[in-house]
């Protein structure tokens, strides 16, 4: 009888190929029927809380056929697994379960199933590590051997909310690293955004950095995903987390829209959107006469709220317009918004208005950019009041 064993770190989807190679190397025909036909596990996936230890209960089922024809039998085989391994990205990070052993008694050619009840322990440290790993990269693996054949199976492991209420995201503030809320940058400039997340309770934040680039229609949906985020958030009260985006695309000229959207939160929140405009850095900047950008509304000292509509006359060759709101006399805007040249109206979202103090006076101004990022239009600064 030949004993064939495989390293426990071999990924489960490689078992058939590795077993065939072993049979060939041993000079045995790959047509010989394996004693262990299959290994299955129930449940096939488990979801663990992000910040607490809990037992994982699994049932492994092994189907095997006795292929020994040296006699009628019965033949007694010990079917065993030395341990259960937690793997992340195919690499073993911890042993989470001990040995399982059971006797299989079959006559020649007979088949039967064996059931193994398994209770595994996942501590808090491992739970947090799972929560911070990419989705789909974590599994629990067991390998079974009956002294003749070896075969294994795995359980996909995911992180989820913990506690009765689960994670509640209260607010997301989105800015660039410079703290600006709109930006005009040159091609191939290094640009990142920051999401400041306010939350309650604990769990796993599941979010996506999404981008709409200049080739997409302005009315299109969520755009494309730049990065998927799975981050364990733990707080006994109100917590805060700062998340930095990957490098944002700046290869192509034009207007980009960036959002950080979240899933699996028990609260409805506004998803803020950042806008940035990429200009041509290769063309020499020639002297351009800046036109007067004529504003239709609002009027001087108007009241600014979420319903306030900014309206202006279009300028020829404009590629984008930018509204900026300043403290009186400041050069750096507090908030603002970029829109494509197809728009000649805009309003500020409640998220943008939150950066302004009540019962205060501010100044605002509109700029127009051509396709190379040159300022070709500018309105006069006007005062506006907050309620």
Protein backbone atom coordinates (compact mmCIF):
# COMPACT_ATOMS: atom_id res chain seq x y z
CA UNK A 1 0.00 0.00 0.00
CA UNK A 2 1.40 3.39 -0.95
CA UNK A 3 1.02 6.34 1.38
CA UNK A 4 0.53 9.64 -0.42
CA UNK A 5 0.49 12.84 1.59
CA UNK A 6 0.46 16.45 0.50
CA UNK A 7 1.59 19.57 2.32
CA UNK A 8 -1.31 21.13 4.19
CA UNK A 9 -0.61 24.55 2.65
CA UNK A 10 -1.50 23.38 -0.87
CA UNK A 11 -4.58 25.28 -2.09
CA UNK A 12 -7.66 23.10 -2.41
CA UNK A 13 -8.18 23.82 -6.10
CA UNK A 14 -4.77 22.26 -6.80
CA UNK A 15 -5.56 18.86 -5.23
CA UNK A 16 -6.54 17.01 -8.46
CA UNK A 17 -3.52 18.21 -10.44
CA UNK A 18 -1.05 17.51 -7.62
CA UNK A 19 -2.54 14.07 -6.98
CA UNK A 20 -2.22 13.13 -10.69
CA UNK A 21 1.39 14.25 -10.77
CA UNK A 22 2.13 12.18 -7.67
CA UNK A 23 0.58 9.09 -9.22
CA UNK A 24 2.63 9.50 -12.39
CA UNK A 25 5.85 10.04 -10.44
CA UNK A 26 5.13 6.90 -8.41
CA UNK A 27 4.73 4.79 -11.55
CA UNK A 28 1.05 4.12 -10.77
CA UNK A 29 -1.78 4.55 -13.22
CA UNK A 30 -3.86 7.70 -12.77
CA UNK A 31 -6.90 5.47 -13.47
CA UNK A 32 -6.70 3.86 -10.00
CA UNK A 33 -9.74 4.94 -8.00
CA UNK A 34 -8.92 6.98 -4.93
CA UNK A 35 -10.13 5.69 -1.57
CA UNK A 36 -11.22 9.23 -0.58
CA UNK A 37 -13.54 10.31 -3.38
CA UNK A 38 -14.50 13.73 -2.03
CA UNK A 39 -14.38 16.06 0.95
CA UNK A 40 -17.21 18.55 1.51
CA UNK A 41 -17.97 20.94 4.35
CA UNK A 42 -21.10 22.61 5.71
CA UNK A 43 -21.44 25.55 5.81
CA UNK A 44 -19.31 26.47 2.80
CA UNK A 45 -18.89 30.07 3.99
CA UNK A 46 -18.79 31.69 7.44
CA UNK A 47 -19.04 35.32 8.48
CA UNK A 48 -17.21 36.38 11.64
CA UNK A 49 -17.57 39.53 13.75
CA UNK A 50 -14.71 41.95 13.40
CA UNK A 51 -13.82 42.51 17.03
CA UNK A 52 -14.73 39.46 19.11
CA UNK A 53 -13.77 35.82 19.50
CA UNK A 54 -16.31 33.16 18.59
CA UNK A 55 -16.36 29.43 17.86
CA UNK A 56 -16.82 28.25 14.29
CA UNK A 57 -18.83 25.03 13.96
CA UNK A 58 -18.35 22.97 10.82
CA UNK A 59 -19.35 19.52 9.59
CA UNK A 60 -16.88 17.81 7.25
CA UNK A 61 -18.18 14.93 5.16
CA UNK A 62 -15.82 12.42 3.54
CA UNK A 63 -17.00 9.99 0.88
CA UNK A 64 -14.66 7.05 0.35
CA UNK A 65 -14.61 3.73 -1.52
CA UNK A 66 -12.55 0.72 -0.46
CA UNK A 67 -10.40 -0.24 -3.44
CA UNK A 68 -8.25 -2.94 -1.80
CA UNK A 69 -8.91 -6.18 -3.74
CA UNK A 70 -6.47 -8.35 -1.79
CA UNK A 71 -9.43 -9.91 0.02
CA UNK A 72 -13.12 -9.47 0.80
CA UNK A 73 -12.41 -7.45 3.94
CA UNK A 74 -13.76 -5.74 5.86
CA UNK A 75 -10.86 -3.27 5.89
CA UNK A 76 -10.42 -0.83 8.75
CA UNK A 77 -8.92 2.54 7.80
CA UNK A 78 -8.27 5.46 10.12
CA UNK A 79 -9.41 8.65 8.37
CA UNK A 80 -7.81 11.65 10.03
CA UNK A 81 -6.92 15.31 9.69
CA UNK A 82 -4.06 16.70 11.83
CA UNK A 83 -5.35 20.29 12.05
CA UNK A 84 -7.44 23.07 10.55
CA UNK A 85 -5.48 25.96 9.06
CA UNK A 86 -6.47 29.59 8.57
CA UNK A 87 -5.07 30.83 5.27
CA UNK A 88 -4.98 34.37 3.86
CA UNK A 89 -4.05 34.76 0.23
CA UNK A 90 -3.00 31.10 0.11
CA UNK A 91 -0.52 31.41 3.01
CA UNK A 92 -1.12 29.78 6.39
CA UNK A 93 -1.34 32.31 9.22
CA UNK A 94 -2.64 30.18 12.11
CA UNK A 95 -3.74 26.72 13.26
CA UNK A 96 -7.33 27.04 14.46
CA UNK A 97 -8.38 23.43 15.01
CA UNK A 98 -6.87 20.19 16.35
CA UNK A 99 -6.85 16.60 15.06
CA UNK A 100 -9.95 14.73 13.89
CA UNK A 101 -9.92 10.92 13.61
CA UNK A 102 -12.55 8.33 12.75
CA UNK A 103 -12.44 4.67 11.69
CA UNK A 104 -13.88 3.65 8.31
CA UNK A 105 -14.83 -0.06 8.01
CA UNK A 106 -15.66 -1.18 4.47
CA UNK A 107 -15.55 -4.35 2.38
CA UNK A 108 -13.90 -4.36 -1.05
CA UNK A 109 -15.74 -2.07 -3.47
CA UNK A 110 -18.05 -0.66 -0.78
CA UNK A 111 -18.61 3.13 -0.41
CA UNK A 112 -19.77 5.16 2.59
CA UNK A 113 -19.74 8.65 4.12
CA UNK A 114 -18.00 9.77 7.31
CA UNK A 115 -19.08 12.89 9.23
CA UNK A 116 -16.71 14.92 11.40
CA UNK A 117 -18.07 17.62 13.74
CA UNK A 118 -15.50 20.38 14.09
CA UNK A 119 -15.38 23.34 16.51
CA UNK A 120 -12.72 25.93 15.69
CA UNK A 121 -11.61 28.90 17.76
CA UNK A 122 -10.99 32.32 16.15
CA UNK A 123 -9.52 34.81 18.62
CA UNK A 124 -9.93 38.60 18.48
CA UNK A 125 -6.57 39.15 16.83
CA UNK A 126 -7.38 36.73 14.01
CA UNK A 127 -10.86 38.24 13.62
CA UNK A 128 -9.36 41.68 13.10
CA UNK A 129 -6.81 40.29 10.67
CA UNK A 130 -9.62 38.67 8.67
CA UNK A 131 -11.54 41.96 8.66
CA UNK A 132 -8.54 43.82 7.25
CA UNK A 133 -7.86 41.27 4.49
CA UNK A 134 -9.16 41.56 0.92
CA UNK A 135 -12.59 40.03 0.42
CA UNK A 136 -12.37 36.44 -0.80
CA UNK A 137 -8.77 35.90 0.32
CA UNK A 138 -9.45 34.11 3.64
CA UNK A 139 -10.25 30.41 4.06
CA UNK A 140 -10.18 27.59 6.62
CA UNK A 141 -8.55 24.46 5.17
CA UNK A 142 -8.54 20.84 6.34
CA UNK A 143 -6.71 17.92 4.71
CA UNK A 144 -7.87 14.33 5.35
CA UNK A 145 -5.83 11.11 4.93
CA UNK A 146 -6.95 7.47 5.08
CA UNK A 147 -3.38 6.02 4.87
CA UNK A 148 -3.92 5.52 1.12
CA UNK A 149 -5.08 8.86 -0.26
CA UNK A 150 -5.10 12.51 0.74
CA UNK A 151 -7.73 15.10 -0.08
CA UNK A 152 -8.85 18.41 1.38
CA UNK A 153 -11.51 21.09 1.26
CA UNK A 154 -11.94 24.66 2.49
CA UNK A 155 -14.43 27.15 3.89
CA UNK A 156 -14.52 30.75 2.65
CA UNK A 157 -14.30 33.21 5.56
CA UNK A 158 -15.69 36.75 5.53
CA UNK A 159 -15.88 39.52 8.13
CA UNK A 160 -19.15 41.15 9.09
CA UNK A 161 -20.70 43.49 11.60
CA UNK A 162 -20.65 42.63 15.27
CA UNK A 163 -22.98 43.49 18.09
CA UNK A 164 -26.74 43.78 18.05
CA UNK A 165 -26.89 47.05 16.12
CA UNK A 166 -23.85 46.62 13.91
CA UNK A 167 -21.76 49.33 12.33
CA UNK A 168 -23.44 52.68 11.71
CA UNK A 169 -21.66 55.17 9.46
CA UNK A 170 -22.86 58.64 10.43
CA UNK A 171 -20.93 60.84 8.03
CA UNK A 172 -18.22 60.85 5.37
CA UNK A 173 -16.18 63.99 4.75
CA UNK A 174 -14.24 63.89 1.49
CA UNK A 175 -11.35 66.19 0.65
CA UNK A 176 -8.08 66.11 -1.22
CA UNK A 177 -4.91 65.77 0.86
CA UNK A 178 -4.51 69.56 0.59
CA UNK A 179 -7.93 69.87 2.33
CA UNK A 180 -9.37 71.38 -0.87
CA UNK A 181 -12.74 70.15 -2.12
CA UNK A 182 -12.11 70.96 -5.76
CA UNK A 183 -8.75 70.93 -7.49
CA UNK A 184 -7.12 71.75 -10.83
CA UNK A 185 -3.96 69.72 -11.47
CA UNK A 186 -1.53 69.08 -14.30
CA UNK A 187 -1.38 65.80 -16.17
CA UNK A 188 0.41 62.97 -14.36
CA UNK A 189 0.38 64.90 -11.06
CA UNK A 190 0.27 62.79 -7.88
CA UNK A 191 -3.17 63.28 -6.36
CA UNK A 192 -4.95 61.51 -3.50
CA UNK A 193 -8.17 62.04 -1.60
CA UNK A 194 -9.01 61.50 2.07
CA UNK A 195 -12.27 60.14 3.50
CA UNK A 196 -12.88 61.02 7.14
CA UNK A 197 -15.50 58.56 8.37
CA UNK A 198 -17.57 59.15 11.50
CA UNK A 199 -19.22 55.98 12.85
CA UNK A 200 -20.84 54.31 15.84
CA UNK A 201 -20.62 50.75 17.16
CA UNK A 202 -18.20 48.28 15.60
CA UNK A 203 -17.94 46.16 12.49
CA UNK A 204 -16.38 46.08 9.08
CA UNK A 205 -16.57 49.09 6.80
CA UNK A 206 -17.11 47.88 3.25
CA UNK A 207 -16.52 50.67 0.78
CA UNK A 208 -15.32 51.55 -2.70
CA UNK A 209 -13.37 54.41 -4.19
CA UNK A 210 -15.17 55.11 -7.48
CA UNK A 211 -14.24 57.43 -10.34
CA UNK A 212 -16.05 58.85 -13.34
CA UNK A 213 -13.42 59.93 -15.86
CA UNK A 214 -13.72 62.45 -18.72
CA UNK A 215 -14.67 59.75 -21.24
CA UNK A 216 -17.78 58.79 -19.26
CA UNK A 217 -21.04 60.61 -19.74
CA UNK A 218 -21.82 63.00 -16.91
CA UNK A 219 -25.11 61.26 -16.36
CA UNK A 220 -23.63 57.78 -16.03
CA UNK A 221 -23.92 55.71 -12.87
CA UNK A 222 -21.23 54.88 -10.37
CA UNK A 223 -18.29 54.89 -12.76
CA UNK A 224 -15.47 52.41 -12.28
CA UNK A 225 -14.00 51.08 -9.04
CA UNK A 226 -10.49 52.27 -8.16
CA UNK A 227 -10.17 50.30 -4.93
CA UNK A 228 -12.28 48.10 -2.64
CA UNK A 229 -11.86 48.85 1.08
CA UNK A 230 -12.57 46.44 3.94
CA UNK A 231 -11.60 48.07 7.23
CA UNK A 232 -12.35 46.93 10.77
CA UNK A 233 -13.86 49.81 12.79
CA UNK A 234 -14.11 49.48 16.55
CA UNK A 235 -15.65 52.02 18.93
CA UNK A 236 -17.59 51.96 22.17
CA UNK A 237 -19.12 55.35 21.28
CA UNK A 238 -18.58 57.62 18.30
CA UNK A 239 -15.42 56.81 16.38
CA UNK A 240 -13.47 58.40 13.54
CA UNK A 241 -11.36 56.80 10.83
CA UNK A 242 -9.19 58.46 8.18
CA UNK A 243 -8.93 56.56 4.88
CA UNK A 244 -6.58 57.63 2.08
CA UNK A 245 -7.43 56.84 -1.52
CA UNK A 246 -5.09 55.21 -4.02
CA UNK A 247 -3.38 57.52 -6.49
CA UNK A 248 -6.08 59.14 -8.59
CA UNK A 249 -5.94 59.03 -12.39
CA UNK A 250 -4.50 62.20 -13.93
CA UNK A 251 -3.31 60.95 -17.32
CA UNK A 252 -6.20 62.29 -19.35
CA UNK A 253 -7.31 65.91 -19.55
CA UNK A 254 -10.77 66.82 -18.39
CA UNK A 255 -13.16 66.69 -15.47
CA UNK A 256 -13.16 63.76 -13.01
CA UNK A 257 -15.73 62.90 -10.34
CA UNK A 258 -14.60 60.90 -7.29
CA UNK A 259 -16.77 59.29 -4.62
CA UNK A 260 -16.27 57.00 -1.63
CA UNK A 261 -19.37 54.83 -1.24
CA UNK A 262 -20.10 52.47 1.63
CA UNK A 263 -22.22 49.34 2.01
CA UNK A 264 -23.80 47.45 4.90
CA UNK A 265 -24.43 50.41 7.15
CA UNK A 266 -27.65 50.81 9.13
CA UNK A 267 -27.92 54.54 8.44
CA UNK A 268 -28.73 56.45 5.26
CA UNK A 269 -26.01 59.01 4.57
CA UNK A 270 -25.10 61.40 1.79
CA UNK A 271 -22.24 60.20 -0.40
CA UNK A 272 -19.99 63.22 -1.06
CA UNK A 273 -18.40 63.74 -4.48
CA UNK A 274 -15.08 65.43 -5.21
CA UNK A 275 -14.39 67.02 -8.57
CA UNK A 276 -11.01 67.71 -10.07
CA UNK A 277 -9.89 69.01 -13.44
CA UNK A 278 -6.75 67.78 -15.20
CA UNK A 279 -5.06 70.29 -17.52
CA UNK A 280 -2.49 69.86 -20.30
CA UNK A 281 1.00 70.29 -18.84
CA UNK A 282 2.84 70.02 -22.16
CA UNK A 283 1.41 73.00 -24.00
CA UNK A 284 3.07 76.39 -23.35
CA UNK A 285 0.77 78.72 -21.47
CA UNK A 286 0.25 81.70 -23.75
CA UNK A 287 -1.22 84.99 -22.63
CA UNK A 288 -5.01 84.63 -22.68
CA UNK A 289 -7.46 87.42 -22.23
CA UNK A 290 -9.78 86.55 -19.35
CA UNK A 291 -13.40 87.33 -20.15
CA UNK A 292 -15.95 88.69 -17.74
CA UNK A 293 -18.17 85.82 -16.62
CA UNK A 294 -21.69 87.20 -16.26
CA UNK A 295 -23.69 85.83 -13.32
CA UNK A 296 -27.50 85.81 -13.53
CA UNK A 297 -28.19 84.70 -9.96
CA UNK A 298 -27.98 84.83 -6.98
CA UNK A 299 -27.78 88.51 -6.32
CA UNK A 300 -25.46 90.40 -3.99
CA UNK A 301 -25.89 89.40 -0.30
CA UNK A 302 -28.34 86.64 -1.20
CA UNK A 303 -29.15 83.89 1.30
CA UNK A 304 -27.17 80.67 0.72
CA UNK A 305 -28.80 77.30 1.41
CA UNK A 306 -29.23 73.93 -0.30
CA UNK A 307 -31.86 75.43 -2.66
CA UNK A 308 -29.75 78.38 -3.78
CA UNK A 309 -29.15 78.13 -7.52
CA UNK A 310 -26.12 79.68 -9.21
CA UNK A 311 -26.77 80.63 -12.85
CA UNK A 312 -24.40 82.26 -15.36
CA UNK A 313 -23.99 82.97 -19.04
CA UNK A 314 -21.85 80.47 -20.98
CA UNK A 315 -18.43 81.40 -22.40
CA UNK A 316 -17.18 80.15 -25.76
CA UNK A 317 -14.53 77.38 -25.61
CA UNK A 318 -15.21 76.70 -21.92
CA UNK A 319 -14.52 73.13 -20.81
CA UNK A 320 -15.50 73.43 -17.13
CA UNK A 321 -16.76 75.93 -14.57
CA UNK A 322 -15.71 76.17 -10.93
CA UNK A 323 -17.61 77.79 -8.09
CA UNK A 324 -15.53 78.76 -5.04
CA UNK A 325 -16.68 80.12 -1.67
CA UNK A 326 -14.21 82.14 0.44
CA UNK A 327 -14.00 83.82 3.78
CA UNK A 328 -13.91 87.56 3.21
CA UNK A 329 -10.49 88.51 1.85
CA UNK A 330 -9.12 84.93 1.70
CA UNK A 331 -7.48 83.48 -1.40
CA UNK A 332 -7.97 79.81 -0.46
CA UNK A 333 -11.60 78.65 -0.85
CA UNK A 334 -13.48 76.91 1.96
CA UNK A 335 -15.66 74.88 -0.36
CA UNK A 336 -16.83 74.78 -3.95
CA UNK A 337 -17.84 72.69 -6.91
CA UNK A 338 -16.67 71.86 -10.44
CA UNK A 339 -19.10 71.17 -13.28
CA UNK A 340 -18.62 70.46 -16.99
CA UNK A 341 -19.18 73.24 -19.52
CA UNK A 342 -22.48 71.66 -20.52
CA UNK A 343 -23.84 73.01 -17.22
CA UNK A 344 -24.47 76.69 -16.61
CA UNK A 345 -26.28 76.18 -13.28
CA UNK A 346 -25.35 74.45 -10.05
CA UNK A 347 -26.23 74.26 -6.38
CA UNK A 348 -24.10 73.31 -3.40
CA UNK A 349 -24.85 70.07 -1.59
CA UNK A 350 -25.62 69.98 2.11
CA UNK A 351 -22.20 68.37 2.62
CA UNK A 352 -20.48 71.38 1.04
CA UNK A 353 -22.58 73.84 3.03
CA UNK A 354 -21.59 72.12 6.27
CA UNK A 355 -18.16 73.73 5.96
CA UNK A 356 -19.73 77.19 6.37
CA UNK A 357 -20.77 78.73 9.69
CA UNK A 358 -24.34 79.92 10.27
CA UNK A 359 -25.19 83.64 10.35
CA UNK A 360 -21.99 84.52 8.50
CA UNK A 361 -21.00 86.44 5.39
CA UNK A 362 -18.83 84.88 2.67
CA UNK A 363 -17.68 85.72 -0.84
CA UNK A 364 -18.07 83.58 -3.92
CA UNK A 365 -16.68 83.57 -7.44
CA UNK A 366 -16.96 81.57 -10.69
CA UNK A 367 -14.10 80.59 -12.99
CA UNK A 368 -14.20 79.10 -16.50
CA UNK A 369 -11.45 76.82 -17.89
CA UNK A 370 -10.61 75.95 -21.48
CA UNK A 371 -9.57 72.37 -22.46
CA UNK A 372 -5.93 73.13 -21.56
CA UNK A 373 -6.85 74.32 -18.07
CA UNK A 374 -6.37 78.02 -18.78
CA UNK A 375 -8.68 80.38 -16.93
CA UNK A 376 -10.66 82.08 -19.68
CA UNK A 377 -13.50 83.54 -17.62
CA UNK A 378 -13.87 85.06 -14.17
CA UNK A 379 -16.84 86.60 -12.37
CA UNK A 380 -16.67 89.39 -9.84
CA UNK A 381 -16.63 88.36 -6.21
CA UNK A 382 -19.99 88.74 -4.56
CA UNK A 383 -21.12 88.47 -0.96
CA UNK A 384 -23.53 85.82 0.27
CA UNK A 385 -25.10 85.12 3.67
CA UNK A 386 -25.69 81.88 5.55
CA UNK A 387 -28.90 81.44 7.57
